[in-house]
Amino acid sequence: MSIQGIQAISAFNDLSPSTGSFSLSQTESSSANFTDLVLNKLQKTSESIETSSNLFEMYLKGDAVSVHEVMIAMGKAKSELQLAVEIRNKILDAYQEITRIQI
């Protein structure tokens, strides 16, 4: 799954502080850090889900995996997925709120 970040409007990048406008250089670096943070969390969530799935398959095949290891891995994956969904919901709420702002 590929997630693309929201690109800043290029017209805002040309604004200078001398005209009473602002610069987006700090905002761009902050958004890059936020994007990296979200992508890393999604990658970790994906790995956790894959790990729990692999442990479950190993348990079903009769490999040396205990039930509590599988349940712990599945619980961790569930918690991380719920957190990712809540983060997504908050990001969408913030985006919708920003789009409602009148300029």
PDB file of N, CA and C in Angstrom:
ATOM      1  N   MET A   1       0.844  -1.163   0.000  1.00  0.00           N
ATOM      2  CA  MET A   1       0.000   0.000   0.000  1.00  0.00           C
ATOM      3  C   MET A   1       0.895   1.233   0.000  1.00  0.00           C
ATOM      4  N   SER A   2       0.594   2.127  -0.878  1.00  0.00           N
ATOM      5  CA  SER A   2       1.403   3.345  -0.996  1.00  0.00           C
ATOM      6  C   SER A   2       0.581   4.537  -0.547  1.00  0.00           C
ATOM      7  N   ILE A   3       1.184   5.345   0.306  1.00  0.00           N
ATOM      8  CA  ILE A   3       0.513   6.543   0.798  1.00  0.00           C
ATOM      9  C   ILE A   3       1.312   7.750   0.351  1.00  0.00           C
ATOM     10  N   GLN A   4       0.643   8.674  -0.313  1.00  0.00           N
ATOM     11  CA  GLN A   4       1.325   9.871  -0.786  1.00  0.00           C
ATOM     12  C   GLN A   4       0.930  11.043   0.099  1.00  0.00           C
ATOM     13  N   GLY A   5       1.911  11.877   0.417  1.00  0.00           N
ATOM     14  CA  GLY A   5       1.665  13.038   1.250  1.00  0.00           C
ATOM     15  C   GLY A   5       0.962  14.145   0.486  1.00  0.00           C
ATOM     16  N   ILE A   6       0.365  15.058   1.207  1.00  0.00           N
ATOM     17  CA  ILE A   6      -0.279  16.218   0.604  1.00  0.00           C
ATOM     18  C   ILE A   6       0.804  17.221   0.243  1.00  0.00           C
ATOM     19  N   GLN A   7       0.837  17.624  -0.993  1.00  0.00           N
ATOM     20  CA  GLN A   7       1.863  18.545  -1.466  1.00  0.00           C
ATOM     21  C   GLN A   7       1.417  19.986  -1.215  1.00  0.00           C
ATOM     22  N   ALA A   8       2.359  20.808  -0.793  1.00  0.00           N
ATOM     23  CA  ALA A   8       2.070  22.228  -0.553  1.00  0.00           C
ATOM     24  C   ALA A   8       1.829  22.930  -1.891  1.00  0.00           C
ATOM     25  N   ILE A   9       1.011  23.944  -1.863  1.00  0.00           N
ATOM     26  CA  ILE A   9       0.744  24.711  -3.069  1.00  0.00           C
ATOM     27  C   ILE A   9       1.994  25.505  -3.415  1.00  0.00           C
ATOM     28  N   SER A  10       2.454  25.381  -4.653  1.00  0.00           N
ATOM     29  CA  SER A  10       3.728  25.995  -5.035  1.00  0.00           C
ATOM     30  C   SER A  10       3.702  27.514  -4.934  1.00  0.00           C
ATOM     31  N   ALA A  11       2.542  28.143  -5.046  1.00  0.00           N
ATOM     32  CA  ALA A  11       2.474  29.604  -4.962  1.00  0.00           C
ATOM     33  C   ALA A  11       2.876  30.097  -3.576  1.00  0.00           C
ATOM     34  N   PHE A  12       2.615  29.320  -2.550  1.00  0.00           N
ATOM     35  CA  PHE A  12       2.962  29.727  -1.201  1.00  0.00           C
ATOM     36  C   PHE A  12       4.457  29.667  -0.953  1.00  0.00           C
ATOM     37  N   ASN A  13       5.175  28.830  -1.674  1.00  0.00           N
ATOM     38  CA  ASN A  13       6.614  28.708  -1.484  1.00  0.00           C
ATOM     39  C   ASN A  13       7.364  29.958  -1.907  1.00  0.00           C
ATOM     40  N   ASP A  14       6.778  30.762  -2.798  1.00  0.00           N
ATOM     41  CA  ASP A  14       7.439  31.947  -3.312  1.00  0.00           C
ATOM     42  C   ASP A  14       7.199  33.188  -2.451  1.00  0.00           C
ATOM     43  N   LEU A  15       6.354  33.094  -1.449  1.00  0.00           N
ATOM     44  CA  LEU A  15       6.060  34.246  -0.607  1.00  0.00           C
ATOM     45  C   LEU A  15       7.245  34.555   0.293  1.00  0.00           C
ATOM     46  N   SER A  16       7.504  35.824   0.480  1.00  0.00           N
ATOM     47  CA  SER A  16       8.647  36.211   1.304  1.00  0.00           C
ATOM     48  C   SER A  16       8.183  36.981   2.533  1.00  0.00           C
ATOM     49  N   PRO A  17       8.961  36.947   3.621  1.00  0.00           N
ATOM     50  CA  PRO A  17       8.578  37.670   4.837  1.00  0.00           C
ATOM     51  C   PRO A  17       8.522  39.185   4.633  1.00  0.00           C
ATOM     52  N   SER A  18       9.260  39.732   3.673  1.00  0.00           N
ATOM     53  CA  SER A  18       9.278  41.181   3.460  1.00  0.00           C
ATOM     54  C   SER A  18       7.944  41.708   2.941  1.00  0.00           C
ATOM     55  N   THR A  19       7.145  40.857   2.317  1.00  0.00           N
ATOM     56  CA  THR A  19       5.844  41.286   1.810  1.00  0.00           C
ATOM     57  C   THR A  19       4.741  41.078   2.828  1.00  0.00           C
ATOM     58  N   GLY A  20       5.125  40.727   4.050  1.00  0.00           N
ATOM     59  CA  GLY A  20       4.125  40.493   5.079  1.00  0.00           C
ATOM     60  C   GLY A  20       3.577  39.083   5.040  1.00  0.00           C
ATOM     61  N   SER A  21       4.124  38.250   4.196  1.00  0.00           N
ATOM     62  CA  SER A  21       3.687  36.867   4.089  1.00  0.00           C
ATOM     63  C   SER A  21       4.619  35.981   4.897  1.00  0.00           C
ATOM     64  N   PHE A  22       4.444  34.709   4.804  1.00  0.00           N
ATOM     65  CA  PHE A  22       5.246  33.789   5.591  1.00  0.00           C
ATOM     66  C   PHE A  22       5.988  32.806   4.695  1.00  0.00           C
ATOM     67  N   SER A  23       6.928  32.108   5.273  1.00  0.00           N
ATOM     68  CA  SER A  23       7.696  31.093   4.552  1.00  0.00           C
ATOM     69  C   SER A  23       7.279  29.723   5.047  1.00  0.00           C
ATOM     70  N   LEU A  24       7.255  28.750   4.169  1.00  0.00           N
ATOM     71  CA  LEU A  24       6.842  27.412   4.535  1.00  0.00           C
ATOM     72  C   LEU A  24       8.009  26.475   4.796  1.00  0.00           C
ATOM     73  N   SER A  25       9.228  26.970   4.871  1.00  0.00           N
ATOM     74  CA  SER A  25      10.368  26.070   5.015  1.00  0.00           C
ATOM     75  C   SER A  25      10.287  25.263   6.304  1.00  0.00           C
ATOM     76  N   GLN A  26       9.921  25.881   7.423  1.00  0.00           N
ATOM     77  CA  GLN A  26       9.807  25.145   8.673  1.00  0.00           C
ATOM     78  C   GLN A  26       8.600  24.206   8.612  1.00  0.00           C
ATOM     79  N   THR A  27       7.512  24.665   8.016  1.00  0.00           N
ATOM     80  CA  THR A  27       6.324  23.832   7.898  1.00  0.00           C
ATOM     81  C   THR A  27       6.599  22.618   7.032  1.00  0.00           C
ATOM     82  N   GLU A  28       7.345  22.794   5.940  1.00  0.00           N
ATOM     83  CA  GLU A  28       7.664  21.673   5.069  1.00  0.00           C
ATOM     84  C   GLU A  28       8.499  20.634   5.795  1.00  0.00           C
ATOM     85  N   SER A  29       9.484  21.076   6.587  1.00  0.00           N
ATOM     86  CA  SER A  29      10.306  20.103   7.314  1.00  0.00           C
ATOM     87  C   SER A  29       9.482  19.410   8.395  1.00  0.00           C
ATOM     88  N   SER A  30       8.564  20.141   9.028  1.00  0.00           N
ATOM     89  CA  SER A  30       7.698  19.527  10.031  1.00  0.00           C
ATOM     90  C   SER A  30       6.776  18.506   9.393  1.00  0.00           C
ATOM     91  N   SER A  31       6.240  18.843   8.212  1.00  0.00           N
ATOM     92  CA  SER A  31       5.351  17.897   7.548  1.00  0.00           C
ATOM     93  C   SER A  31       6.114  16.670   7.081  1.00  0.00           C
ATOM     94  N   ALA A  32       7.378  16.862   6.681  1.00  0.00           N
ATOM     95  CA  ALA A  32       8.190  15.710   6.291  1.00  0.00           C
ATOM     96  C   ALA A  32       8.426  14.811   7.501  1.00  0.00           C
ATOM     97  N   ASN A  33       8.704  15.409   8.665  1.00  0.00           N
ATOM     98  CA  ASN A  33       8.880  14.621   9.877  1.00  0.00           C
ATOM     99  C   ASN A  33       7.591  13.904  10.259  1.00  0.00           C
ATOM    100  N   PHE A  34       6.464  14.584  10.136  1.00  0.00           N
ATOM    101  CA  PHE A  34       5.171  13.978  10.450  1.00  0.00           C
ATOM    102  C   PHE A  34       4.876  12.841   9.485  1.00  0.00           C
ATOM    103  N   THR A  35       5.161  13.070   8.203  1.00  0.00           N
ATOM    104  CA  THR A  35       4.952  12.033   7.201  1.00  0.00           C
ATOM    105  C   THR A  35       5.804  10.815   7.505  1.00  0.00           C
ATOM    106  N   ASP A  36       7.067  11.041   7.844  1.00  0.00           N
ATOM    107  CA  ASP A  36       7.950   9.928   8.196  1.00  0.00           C
ATOM    108  C   ASP A  36       7.428   9.184   9.416  1.00  0.00           C
ATOM    109  N   LEU A  37       6.953   9.926  10.401  1.00  0.00           N
ATOM    110  CA  LEU A  37       6.419   9.316  11.616  1.00  0.00           C
ATOM    111  C   LEU A  37       5.216   8.432  11.300  1.00  0.00           C
ATOM    112  N   VAL A  38       4.293   8.947  10.499  1.00  0.00           N
ATOM    113  CA  VAL A  38       3.095   8.184  10.149  1.00  0.00           C
ATOM    114  C   VAL A  38       3.461   6.965   9.312  1.00  0.00           C
ATOM    115  N   LEU A  39       4.339   7.143   8.338  1.00  0.00           N
ATOM    116  CA  LEU A  39       4.739   6.010   7.500  1.00  0.00           C
ATOM    117  C   LEU A  39       5.461   4.939   8.303  1.00  0.00           C
ATOM    118  N   ASN A  40       6.310   5.343   9.239  1.00  0.00           N
ATOM    119  CA  ASN A  40       6.996   4.370  10.092  1.00  0.00           C
ATOM    120  C   ASN A  40       6.006   3.609  10.958  1.00  0.00           C
ATOM    121  N   LYS A  41       5.010   4.305  11.496  1.00  0.00           N
ATOM    122  CA  LYS A  41       3.993   3.648  12.313  1.00  0.00           C
ATOM    123  C   LYS A  41       3.177   2.668  11.486  1.00  0.00           C
ATOM    124  N   LEU A  42       2.833   3.051  10.248  1.00  0.00           N
ATOM    125  CA  LEU A  42       2.085   2.141   9.385  1.00  0.00           C
ATOM    126  C   LEU A  42       2.914   0.920   9.011  1.00  0.00           C
ATOM    127  N   GLN A  43       4.210   1.121   8.786  1.00  0.00           N
ATOM    128  CA  GLN A  43       5.093   0.000   8.482  1.00  0.00           C
ATOM    129  C   GLN A  43       5.187  -0.952   9.668  1.00  0.00           C
ATOM    130  N   LYS A  44       5.308  -0.393  10.873  1.00  0.00           N
ATOM    131  CA  LYS A  44       5.384  -1.207  12.080  1.00  0.00           C
ATOM    132  C   LYS A  44       4.083  -1.984  12.287  1.00  0.00           C
ATOM    133  N   THR A  45       2.951  -1.336  12.026  1.00  0.00           N
ATOM    134  CA  THR A  45       1.657  -1.998  12.143  1.00  0.00           C
ATOM    135  C   THR A  45       1.544  -3.139  11.149  1.00  0.00           C
ATOM    136  N   SER A  46       1.969  -2.899   9.927  1.00  0.00           N
ATOM    137  CA  SER A  46       1.935  -3.935   8.897  1.00  0.00           C
ATOM    138  C   SER A  46       2.813  -5.125   9.284  1.00  0.00           C
ATOM    139  N   GLU A  47       3.992  -4.848   9.804  1.00  0.00           N
ATOM    140  CA  GLU A  47       4.893  -5.925  10.230  1.00  0.00           C
ATOM    141  C   GLU A  47       4.293  -6.710  11.389  1.00  0.00           C
ATOM    142  N   SER A  48       3.641  -6.023  12.304  1.00  0.00           N
ATOM    143  CA  SER A  48       3.015  -6.685  13.443  1.00  0.00           C
ATOM    144  C   SER A  48       1.884  -7.603  12.992  1.00  0.00           C
ATOM    145  N   ILE A  49       1.087  -7.159  12.046  1.00  0.00           N
ATOM    146  CA  ILE A  49       0.000  -7.979  11.517  1.00  0.00           C
ATOM    147  C   ILE A  49       0.566  -9.194  10.798  1.00  0.00           C
ATOM    148  N   GLU A  50       1.605  -8.999  10.020  1.00  0.00           N
ATOM    149  CA  GLU A  50       2.233 -10.106   9.305  1.00  0.00           C
ATOM    150  C   GLU A  50       2.841 -11.114  10.278  1.00  0.00           C
ATOM    151  N   THR A  51       3.478 -10.629  11.334  1.00  0.00           N
ATOM    152  CA  THR A  51       4.065 -11.513  12.342  1.00  0.00           C
ATOM    153  C   THR A  51       2.992 -12.353  13.021  1.00  0.00           C
ATOM    154  N   SER A  52       1.895 -11.716  13.409  1.00  0.00           N
ATOM    155  CA  SER A  52       0.825 -12.467  14.074  1.00  0.00           C
ATOM    156  C   SER A  52       0.215 -13.495  13.125  1.00  0.00           C
ATOM    157  N   SER A  53       0.085 -13.139  11.863  1.00  0.00           N
ATOM    158  CA  SER A  53      -0.441 -14.077  10.876  1.00  0.00           C
ATOM    159  C   SER A  53       0.498 -15.274  10.705  1.00  0.00           C
ATOM    160  N   ASN A  54       1.796 -14.993  10.638  1.00  0.00           N
ATOM    161  CA  ASN A  54       2.777 -16.078  10.498  1.00  0.00           C
ATOM    162  C   ASN A  54       2.778 -16.991  11.719  1.00  0.00           C
ATOM    163  N   LEU A  55       2.704 -16.411  12.918  1.00  0.00           N
ATOM    164  CA  LEU A  55       2.653 -17.223  14.130  1.00  0.00           C
ATOM    165  C   LEU A  55       1.401 -18.082  14.166  1.00  0.00           C
ATOM    166  N   PHE A  56       0.287 -17.518  13.729  1.00  0.00           N
ATOM    167  CA  PHE A  56      -0.962 -18.276  13.702  1.00  0.00           C
ATOM    168  C   PHE A  56      -0.865 -19.449  12.730  1.00  0.00           C
ATOM    169  N   GLU A  57      -0.294 -19.215  11.561  1.00  0.00           N
ATOM    170  CA  GLU A  57      -0.110 -20.293  10.588  1.00  0.00           C
ATOM    171  C   GLU A  57       0.814 -21.374  11.135  1.00  0.00           C
ATOM    172  N   MET A  58       1.891 -20.956  11.815  1.00  0.00           N
ATOM    173  CA  MET A  58       2.812 -21.921  12.406  1.00  0.00           C
ATOM    174  C   MET A  58       2.100 -22.752  13.474  1.00  0.00           C
ATOM    175  N   TYR A  59       1.242 -22.113  14.268  1.00  0.00           N
ATOM    176  CA  TYR A  59       0.490 -22.825  15.300  1.00  0.00           C
ATOM    177  C   TYR A  59      -0.452 -23.849  14.663  1.00  0.00           C
ATOM    178  N   LEU A  60      -1.124 -23.447  13.583  1.00  0.00           N
ATOM    179  CA  LEU A  60      -2.052 -24.361  12.917  1.00  0.00           C
ATOM    180  C   LEU A  60      -1.335 -25.558  12.292  1.00  0.00           C
ATOM    181  N   LYS A  61      -0.108 -25.344  11.835  1.00  0.00           N
ATOM    182  CA  LYS A  61       0.676 -26.437  11.238  1.00  0.00           C
ATOM    183  C   LYS A  61       1.233 -27.384  12.292  1.00  0.00           C
ATOM    184  N   GLY A  62       1.179 -26.961  13.549  1.00  0.00           N
ATOM    185  CA  GLY A  62       1.679 -27.805  14.615  1.00  0.00           C
ATOM    186  C   GLY A  62       3.126 -27.542  14.979  1.00  0.00           C
ATOM    187  N   ASP A  63       3.681 -26.439  14.520  1.00  0.00           N
ATOM    188  CA  ASP A  63       5.050 -26.073  14.883  1.00  0.00           C
ATOM    189  C   ASP A  63       5.121 -25.732  16.371  1.00  0.00           C
ATOM    190  N   ALA A  64       6.321 -25.550  16.859  1.00  0.00           N
ATOM    191  CA  ALA A  64       6.542 -25.291  18.289  1.00  0.00           C
ATOM    192  C   ALA A  64       6.222 -23.837  18.639  1.00  0.00           C
ATOM    193  N   VAL A  65       4.953 -23.473  18.524  1.00  0.00           N
ATOM    194  CA  VAL A  65       4.493 -22.129  18.888  1.00  0.00           C
ATOM    195  C   VAL A  65       3.352 -22.304  19.879  1.00  0.00           C
ATOM    196  N   SER A  66       3.457 -21.632  21.003  1.00  0.00           N
ATOM    197  CA  SER A  66       2.413 -21.775  22.016  1.00  0.00           C
ATOM    198  C   SER A  66       1.240 -20.840  21.717  1.00  0.00           C
ATOM    199  N   VAL A  67       0.099 -21.195  22.287  1.00  0.00           N
ATOM    200  CA  VAL A  67      -1.119 -20.420  22.074  1.00  0.00           C
ATOM    201  C   VAL A  67      -0.959 -19.006  22.610  1.00  0.00           C
ATOM    202  N   HIS A  68      -0.310 -18.863  23.768  1.00  0.00           N
ATOM    203  CA  HIS A  68      -0.208 -17.523  24.344  1.00  0.00           C
ATOM    204  C   HIS A  68       0.683 -16.615  23.505  1.00  0.00           C
ATOM    205  N   GLU A  69       1.691 -17.157  22.815  1.00  0.00           N
ATOM    206  CA  GLU A  69       2.511 -16.329  21.907  1.00  0.00           C
ATOM    207  C   GLU A  69       1.661 -15.796  20.759  1.00  0.00           C
ATOM    208  N   VAL A  70       0.819 -16.677  20.222  1.00  0.00           N
ATOM    209  CA  VAL A  70      -0.054 -16.281  19.112  1.00  0.00           C
ATOM    210  C   VAL A  70      -1.049 -15.225  19.574  1.00  0.00           C
ATOM    211  N   MET A  71      -1.645 -15.436  20.742  1.00  0.00           N
ATOM    212  CA  MET A  71      -2.644 -14.490  21.244  1.00  0.00           C
ATOM    213  C   MET A  71      -2.023 -13.136  21.580  1.00  0.00           C
ATOM    214  N   ILE A  72      -0.816 -13.145  22.135  1.00  0.00           N
ATOM    215  CA  ILE A  72      -0.136 -11.879  22.430  1.00  0.00           C
ATOM    216  C   ILE A  72       0.166 -11.131  21.141  1.00  0.00           C
ATOM    217  N   ALA A  73       0.670 -11.845  20.129  1.00  0.00           N
ATOM    218  CA  ALA A  73       0.984 -11.211  18.843  1.00  0.00           C
ATOM    219  C   ALA A  73      -0.274 -10.658  18.183  1.00  0.00           C
ATOM    220  N   MET A  74      -1.377 -11.420  18.267  1.00  0.00           N
ATOM    221  CA  MET A  74      -2.633 -10.953  17.673  1.00  0.00           C
ATOM    222  C   MET A  74      -3.198  -9.747  18.426  1.00  0.00           C
ATOM    223  N   GLY A  75      -3.073  -9.754  19.737  1.00  0.00           N
ATOM    224  CA  GLY A  75      -3.530  -8.609  20.527  1.00  0.00           C
ATOM    225  C   GLY A  75      -2.723  -7.357  20.228  1.00  0.00           C
ATOM    226  N   LYS A  76      -1.403  -7.540  20.094  1.00  0.00           N
ATOM    227  CA  LYS A  76      -0.538  -6.404  19.756  1.00  0.00           C
ATOM    228  C   LYS A  76      -0.888  -5.858  18.372  1.00  0.00           C
ATOM    229  N   ALA A  77      -1.093  -6.747  17.408  1.00  0.00           N
ATOM    230  CA  ALA A  77      -1.452  -6.310  16.055  1.00  0.00           C
ATOM    231  C   ALA A  77      -2.797  -5.589  16.053  1.00  0.00           C
ATOM    232  N   LYS A  78      -3.745  -6.110  16.826  1.00  0.00           N
ATOM    233  CA  LYS A  78      -5.068  -5.476  16.909  1.00  0.00           C
ATOM    234  C   LYS A  78      -4.958  -4.078  17.496  1.00  0.00           C
ATOM    235  N   SER A  79      -4.187  -3.943  18.576  1.00  0.00           N
ATOM    236  CA  SER A  79      -4.018  -2.633  19.215  1.00  0.00           C
ATOM    237  C   SER A  79      -3.356  -1.631  18.275  1.00  0.00           C
ATOM    238  N   GLU A  80      -2.312  -2.079  17.570  1.00  0.00           N
ATOM    239  CA  GLU A  80      -1.618  -1.179  16.647  1.00  0.00           C
ATOM    240  C   GLU A  80      -2.516  -0.786  15.487  1.00  0.00           C
ATOM    241  N   LEU A  81      -3.333  -1.719  15.000  1.00  0.00           N
ATOM    242  CA  LEU A  81      -4.257  -1.397  13.911  1.00  0.00           C
ATOM    243  C   LEU A  81      -5.320  -0.407  14.370  1.00  0.00           C
ATOM    244  N   GLN A  82      -5.838  -0.593  15.585  1.00  0.00           N
ATOM    245  CA  GLN A  82      -6.821   0.350  16.117  1.00  0.00           C
ATOM    246  C   GLN A  82      -6.215   1.745  16.274  1.00  0.00           C
ATOM    247  N   LEU A  83      -4.962   1.807  16.733  1.00  0.00           N
ATOM    248  CA  LEU A  83      -4.290   3.095  16.856  1.00  0.00           C
ATOM    249  C   LEU A  83      -4.115   3.751  15.489  1.00  0.00           C
ATOM    250  N   ALA A  84      -3.722   2.969  14.494  1.00  0.00           N
ATOM    251  CA  ALA A  84      -3.540   3.506  13.138  1.00  0.00           C
ATOM    252  C   ALA A  84      -4.858   4.041  12.578  1.00  0.00           C
ATOM    253  N   VAL A  85      -5.938   3.330  12.827  1.00  0.00           N
ATOM    254  CA  VAL A  85      -7.256   3.776  12.352  1.00  0.00           C
ATOM    255  C   VAL A  85      -7.663   5.071  13.049  1.00  0.00           C
ATOM    256  N   GLU A  86      -7.417   5.179  14.345  1.00  0.00           N
ATOM    257  CA  GLU A  86      -7.760   6.397  15.071  1.00  0.00           C
ATOM    258  C   GLU A  86      -6.911   7.584  14.604  1.00  0.00           C
ATOM    259  N   ILE A  87      -5.636   7.332  14.329  1.00  0.00           N
ATOM    260  CA  ILE A  87      -4.780   8.398  13.793  1.00  0.00           C
ATOM    261  C   ILE A  87      -5.302   8.857  12.444  1.00  0.00           C
ATOM    262  N   ARG A  88      -5.668   7.889  11.592  1.00  0.00           N
ATOM    263  CA  ARG A  88      -6.241   8.236  10.285  1.00  0.00           C
ATOM    264  C   ARG A  88      -7.508   9.062  10.450  1.00  0.00           C
ATOM    265  N   ASN A  89      -8.367   8.660  11.374  1.00  0.00           N
ATOM    266  CA  ASN A  89      -9.609   9.407  11.602  1.00  0.00           C
ATOM    267  C   ASN A  89      -9.330  10.837  12.055  1.00  0.00           C
ATOM    268  N   LYS A  90      -8.363  11.006  12.943  1.00  0.00           N
ATOM    269  CA  LYS A  90      -8.023  12.353  13.413  1.00  0.00           C
ATOM    270  C   LYS A  90      -7.432  13.202  12.295  1.00  0.00           C
ATOM    271  N   ILE A  91      -6.616  12.595  11.446  1.00  0.00           N
ATOM    272  CA  ILE A  91      -6.041  13.331  10.306  1.00  0.00           C
ATOM    273  C   ILE A  91      -7.153  13.759   9.360  1.00  0.00           C
ATOM    274  N   LEU A  92      -8.099  12.860   9.080  1.00  0.00           N
ATOM    275  CA  LEU A  92      -9.214  13.214   8.201  1.00  0.00           C
ATOM    276  C   LEU A  92     -10.091  14.302   8.814  1.00  0.00           C
ATOM    277  N   ASP A  93     -10.329  14.218  10.123  1.00  0.00           N
ATOM    278  CA  ASP A  93     -11.102  15.272  10.800  1.00  0.00           C
ATOM    279  C   ASP A  93     -10.397  16.624  10.692  1.00  0.00           C
ATOM    280  N   ALA A  94      -9.082  16.623  10.895  1.00  0.00           N
ATOM    281  CA  ALA A  94      -8.319  17.868  10.793  1.00  0.00           C
ATOM    282  C   ALA A  94      -8.360  18.412   9.373  1.00  0.00           C
ATOM    283  N   TYR A  95      -8.219  17.537   8.385  1.00  0.00           N
ATOM    284  CA  TYR A  95      -8.276  17.964   6.983  1.00  0.00           C
ATOM    285  C   TYR A  95      -9.643  18.559   6.656  1.00  0.00           C
ATOM    286  N   GLN A  96     -10.698  17.899   7.096  1.00  0.00           N
ATOM    287  CA  GLN A  96     -12.045  18.417   6.831  1.00  0.00           C
ATOM    288  C   GLN A  96     -12.268  19.763   7.515  1.00  0.00           C
ATOM    289  N   GLU A  97     -11.727  19.908   8.709  1.00  0.00           N
ATOM    290  CA  GLU A  97     -11.846  21.182   9.420  1.00  0.00           C
ATOM    291  C   GLU A  97     -11.098  22.289   8.678  1.00  0.00           C
ATOM    292  N   ILE A  98      -9.926  21.963   8.158  1.00  0.00           N
ATOM    293  CA  ILE A  98      -9.134  22.948   7.412  1.00  0.00           C
ATOM    294  C   ILE A  98      -9.862  23.354   6.130  1.00  0.00           C
ATOM    295  N   THR A  99     -10.486  22.391   5.461  1.00  0.00           N
ATOM    296  CA  THR A  99     -11.201  22.726   4.226  1.00  0.00           C
ATOM    297  C   THR A  99     -12.420  23.597   4.494  1.00  0.00           C
ATOM    298  N   ARG A 100     -12.953  23.568   5.700  1.00  0.00           N
ATOM    299  CA  ARG A 100     -14.100  24.411   6.045  1.00  0.00           C
ATOM    300  C   ARG A 100     -13.716  25.833   6.383  1.00  0.00           C
ATOM    301  N   ILE A 101     -12.438  26.077   6.603  1.00  0.00           N
ATOM    302  CA  ILE A 101     -11.984  27.434   6.945  1.00  0.00           C
ATOM    303  C   ILE A 101     -12.163  28.339   5.722  1.00  0.00           C
ATOM    304  N   GLN A 102     -12.791  29.469   5.934  1.00  0.00           N
ATOM    305  CA  GLN A 102     -12.989  30.429   4.851  1.00  0.00           C
ATOM    306  C   GLN A 102     -11.846  31.405   4.839  1.00  0.00           C
ATOM    307  N   ILE A 103     -11.353  31.669   3.640  1.00  0.00           N
ATOM    308  CA  ILE A 103     -10.227  32.585   3.492  1.00  0.00           C
ATOM    309  C   ILE A 103     -10.719  33.951   3.112  1.00  0.00           C
TER     310      ILE A 103
END
